[in-house]
């Protein structure tokens, strides 16, 4: 069984930030210490590709995330300050969900210890007041499993 983790990609958060980034490494350490999993059961995932991410997010939003061109309202909606490490961690966290889903289908069970995000949606936050994360874990997985027609719906469409 494989447990995918991305706690080695730590965000450079200000000391006063309320997000408990250390919880991911503590979870992995606790699972390892519990004796049910061996070191070889844990694996750092590949980063989600642009093609995988744009199944859930519009390409222009992805470009802006990668280039650090998000406006203040979009940064607020994400909840983390922009950094190259934030982009990489988002890609790895999404990659962990995709890898765990593939592993579970092939072997019956797997998990993503990287966590997810509640900021799901394909819209750019400023465009419709929604929330969005750079590589929304569940949305990427859902987009990756959706029929081709659904995966290609136009940006801003409320059709589900």
Foldseek 3Di string as FASTA:
>chain_A
DAEEEDLVLAAPADPPQPDPSCPLVVVVVVVCVVPPDDPVRYDQFDFADLVLQLLFAPSVVLVCLCVVNADPVQCVLQSGRRDNSQLRLLRRQLRSLVVQVVCCVVPVGYYYSHDFDPQGHHERCVVPVGGDHNRGNVSSVVSVPDPPVSSPDDHPDPDD
